[in-house]
Amino acid sequence: MEPILAVINRFALVTKPKPALIQWVNSIYPADPVDIQDLEGHDNLDVFLIPEFTDLEDAEEWLKENYSPILEYLLENWCTDRSAWPAIVDWDLFETFFHYSIDSMVIDTMDEEYDEEE
């Protein structure tokens, strides 16, 4: 089956852990430390589909206004105990813990039937 290429009306937010995140995780789980160098060879990226915008500046503004559930999702993936989270979970923490990029071209390679399959 040959892929069907269709641009979808979303941007993609791609996040990647920074050393500060790994330091925080290691402070919580010192018996099972994560080596950031070990992460370099693996897929550590999380991709979120966000609304489509006329330009990247508008997308960045949207992210700064709507980062909270994304940041909480990312932190939850590393530590489910919210009492161990940093005291302040804000935009500065997002930028401290994650590299991110916003990509304007999201291309779907599957047809509608793919989403209908079980």
C-alpha atoms as a PDB file:
ATOM      1  CA  MET A   1       0.000   0.000   0.000  1.00  0.00           C
ATOM      2  CA  GLU A   2       1.479   3.295  -1.057  1.00  0.00           C
ATOM      3  CA  PRO A   3       1.253   6.090   1.529  1.00  0.00           C
ATOM      4  CA  ILE A   4      -1.197   8.896   0.989  1.00  0.00           C
ATOM      5  CA  LEU A   5       0.478  12.175   1.847  1.00  0.00           C
ATOM      6  CA  ALA A   6      -1.791  14.874   3.191  1.00  0.00           C
ATOM      7  CA  VAL A   7      -0.843  18.040   5.030  1.00  0.00           C
ATOM      8  CA  ILE A   8      -3.011  18.342   8.116  1.00  0.00           C
ATOM      9  CA  ASN A   9      -4.120  21.568   9.730  1.00  0.00           C
ATOM     10  CA  ARG A  10      -1.964  21.286  12.838  1.00  0.00           C
ATOM     11  CA  PHE A  11       1.465  22.362  13.962  1.00  0.00           C
ATOM     12  CA  ALA A  12       3.683  19.977  15.922  1.00  0.00           C
ATOM     13  CA  LEU A  13       5.323  20.833  19.224  1.00  0.00           C
ATOM     14  CA  VAL A  14       8.389  18.618  19.737  1.00  0.00           C
ATOM     15  CA  THR A  15       9.953  18.415  23.211  1.00  0.00           C
ATOM     16  CA  LYS A  16      13.230  16.870  24.368  1.00  0.00           C
ATOM     17  CA  PRO A  17      14.604  16.595  27.923  1.00  0.00           C
ATOM     18  CA  LYS A  18      17.383  18.947  29.016  1.00  0.00           C
ATOM     19  CA  PRO A  19      20.079  18.059  31.570  1.00  0.00           C
ATOM     20  CA  ALA A  20      18.157  20.011  34.255  1.00  0.00           C
ATOM     21  CA  LEU A  21      15.242  17.590  33.944  1.00  0.00           C
ATOM     22  CA  ILE A  22      17.543  14.596  34.280  1.00  0.00           C
ATOM     23  CA  GLN A  23      19.201  16.151  37.341  1.00  0.00           C
ATOM     24  CA  TRP A  24      15.776  16.603  38.932  1.00  0.00           C
ATOM     25  CA  VAL A  25      14.753  13.009  38.091  1.00  0.00           C
ATOM     26  CA  ASN A  26      18.023  11.704  39.536  1.00  0.00           C
ATOM     27  CA  SER A  27      17.445  13.669  42.743  1.00  0.00           C
ATOM     28  CA  ILE A  28      14.109  11.872  43.143  1.00  0.00           C
ATOM     29  CA  TYR A  29      15.366   8.418  42.152  1.00  0.00           C
ATOM     30  CA  PRO A  30      19.033   8.317  43.223  1.00  0.00           C
ATOM     31  CA  ALA A  31      19.082   4.503  43.323  1.00  0.00           C
ATOM     32  CA  ASP A  32      18.200   4.329  39.620  1.00  0.00           C
ATOM     33  CA  PRO A  33      19.917   7.313  37.993  1.00  0.00           C
ATOM     34  CA  VAL A  34      19.365   8.293  34.373  1.00  0.00           C
ATOM     35  CA  ASP A  35      22.435   9.179  32.330  1.00  0.00           C
ATOM     36  CA  ILE A  36      21.549  11.856  29.786  1.00  0.00           C
ATOM     37  CA  GLN A  37      24.225  10.453  27.472  1.00  0.00           C
ATOM     38  CA  ASP A  38      22.263   7.181  27.353  1.00  0.00           C
ATOM     39  CA  LEU A  39      19.231   9.096  26.131  1.00  0.00           C
ATOM     40  CA  GLU A  40      21.030  10.479  23.085  1.00  0.00           C
ATOM     41  CA  GLY A  41      20.710   7.225  21.160  1.00  0.00           C
ATOM     42  CA  HIS A  42      17.015   6.790  21.894  1.00  0.00           C
ATOM     43  CA  ASP A  43      13.824   8.490  20.912  1.00  0.00           C
ATOM     44  CA  ASN A  44      13.267  10.876  23.822  1.00  0.00           C
ATOM     45  CA  LEU A  45      11.053  13.205  21.916  1.00  0.00           C
ATOM     46  CA  ASP A  46       7.424  13.852  22.659  1.00  0.00           C
ATOM     47  CA  VAL A  47       5.323  15.277  19.858  1.00  0.00           C
ATOM     48  CA  PHE A  48       2.120  17.200  20.510  1.00  0.00           C
ATOM     49  CA  LEU A  49      -0.251  18.347  17.787  1.00  0.00           C
ATOM     50  CA  ILE A  50      -1.272  21.929  18.424  1.00  0.00           C
ATOM     51  CA  PRO A  51      -3.497  24.320  16.480  1.00  0.00           C
ATOM     52  CA  GLU A  52      -2.381  25.699  13.140  1.00  0.00           C
ATOM     53  CA  PHE A  53      -1.304  29.356  13.101  1.00  0.00           C
ATOM     54  CA  THR A  54      -0.480  31.937  10.474  1.00  0.00           C
ATOM     55  CA  ASP A  55       3.112  32.123  11.740  1.00  0.00           C
ATOM     56  CA  LEU A  56       5.448  30.628  14.317  1.00  0.00           C
ATOM     57  CA  GLU A  57       5.270  33.711  16.555  1.00  0.00           C
ATOM     58  CA  ASP A  58       1.536  33.103  17.046  1.00  0.00           C
ATOM     59  CA  ALA A  59       2.253  29.449  17.823  1.00  0.00           C
ATOM     60  CA  GLU A  60       4.881  30.464  20.387  1.00  0.00           C
ATOM     61  CA  GLU A  61       2.395  32.863  22.011  1.00  0.00           C
ATOM     62  CA  TRP A  62      -0.221  30.086  22.131  1.00  0.00           C
ATOM     63  CA  LEU A  63       2.299  27.742  23.762  1.00  0.00           C
ATOM     64  CA  LYS A  64       3.203  30.297  26.440  1.00  0.00           C
ATOM     65  CA  GLU A  65      -0.504  30.627  27.248  1.00  0.00           C
ATOM     66  CA  ASN A  66      -1.236  26.874  27.138  1.00  0.00           C
ATOM     67  CA  TYR A  67       1.956  25.144  28.300  1.00  0.00           C
ATOM     68  CA  SER A  68       0.562  23.953  31.654  1.00  0.00           C
ATOM     69  CA  PRO A  69      -1.193  20.689  30.653  1.00  0.00           C
ATOM     70  CA  ILE A  70       1.710  19.825  28.353  1.00  0.00           C
ATOM     71  CA  LEU A  71       4.277  20.397  31.094  1.00  0.00           C
ATOM     72  CA  GLU A  72       2.208  18.400  33.570  1.00  0.00           C
ATOM     73  CA  TYR A  73       1.957  15.534  31.084  1.00  0.00           C
ATOM     74  CA  LEU A  74       5.728  15.562  30.547  1.00  0.00           C
ATOM     75  CA  LEU A  75       6.508  15.684  34.273  1.00  0.00           C
ATOM     76  CA  GLU A  76       4.043  12.875  34.923  1.00  0.00           C
ATOM     77  CA  ASN A  77       5.958  10.691  32.467  1.00  0.00           C
ATOM     78  CA  TRP A  78       9.063  11.073  34.629  1.00  0.00           C
ATOM     79  CA  CYS A  79       7.506  11.147  38.105  1.00  0.00           C
ATOM     80  CA  THR A  80       3.923  10.267  39.001  1.00  0.00           C
ATOM     81  CA  ASP A  81       4.298  11.550  42.576  1.00  0.00           C
ATOM     82  CA  ARG A  82       3.203  15.163  42.242  1.00  0.00           C
ATOM     83  CA  SER A  83       4.432  15.938  45.751  1.00  0.00           C
ATOM     84  CA  ALA A  84       7.982  15.387  44.423  1.00  0.00           C
ATOM     85  CA  TRP A  85       7.514  17.904  41.620  1.00  0.00           C
ATOM     86  CA  PRO A  86       9.189  21.303  41.805  1.00  0.00           C
ATOM     87  CA  ALA A  87       7.268  23.784  43.956  1.00  0.00           C
ATOM     88  CA  ILE A  88       6.702  26.116  40.999  1.00  0.00           C
ATOM     89  CA  VAL A  89       5.470  24.520  37.777  1.00  0.00           C
ATOM     90  CA  ASP A  90       5.495  27.408  35.322  1.00  0.00           C
ATOM     91  CA  TRP A  91       6.761  28.527  31.914  1.00  0.00           C
ATOM     92  CA  ASP A  92      10.281  29.037  33.274  1.00  0.00           C
ATOM     93  CA  LEU A  93      10.338  25.416  34.431  1.00  0.00           C
ATOM     94  CA  PHE A  94       9.161  24.270  31.002  1.00  0.00           C
ATOM     95  CA  GLU A  95      12.054  26.122  29.380  1.00  0.00           C
ATOM     96  CA  THR A  96      14.493  24.888  32.035  1.00  0.00           C
ATOM     97  CA  PHE A  97      13.527  21.222  31.654  1.00  0.00           C
ATOM     98  CA  PHE A  98      12.822  20.907  27.917  1.00  0.00           C
ATOM     99  CA  HIS A  99      14.207  21.873  24.545  1.00  0.00           C
ATOM    100  CA  TYR A 100      11.310  22.455  22.204  1.00  0.00           C
ATOM    101  CA  SER A 101      10.571  23.306  18.618  1.00  0.00           C
ATOM    102  CA  ILE A 102       7.399  24.107  16.760  1.00  0.00           C
ATOM    103  CA  ASP A 103       7.069  22.657  13.289  1.00  0.00           C
ATOM    104  CA  SER A 104       4.539  24.065  10.858  1.00  0.00           C
ATOM    105  CA  MET A 105       4.308  21.135   8.444  1.00  0.00           C
ATOM    106  CA  VAL A 106       2.563  18.019   9.708  1.00  0.00           C
ATOM    107  CA  ILE A 107       1.989  15.419   7.041  1.00  0.00           C
ATOM    108  CA  ASP A 108      -0.259  12.414   7.523  1.00  0.00           C
ATOM    109  CA  THR A 109       0.868   9.329   5.611  1.00  0.00           C
ATOM    110  CA  MET A 110      -2.206   7.225   6.333  1.00  0.00           C
ATOM    111  CA  ASP A 111      -5.701   7.310   4.893  1.00  0.00           C
ATOM    112  CA  GLU A 112      -8.911   7.675   6.923  1.00  0.00           C
ATOM    113  CA  GLU A 113      -9.367   3.897   7.149  1.00  0.00           C
ATOM    114  CA  TYR A 114      -6.213   3.642   9.279  1.00  0.00           C
ATOM    115  CA  ASP A 115      -7.847   5.532  12.163  1.00  0.00           C
ATOM    116  CA  GLU A 116     -10.970   3.362  11.897  1.00  0.00           C
ATOM    117  CA  GLU A 117      -9.044   0.077  12.329  1.00  0.00           C
ATOM    118  CA  GLU A 118      -9.045  -1.559  15.752  1.00  0.00           C
END
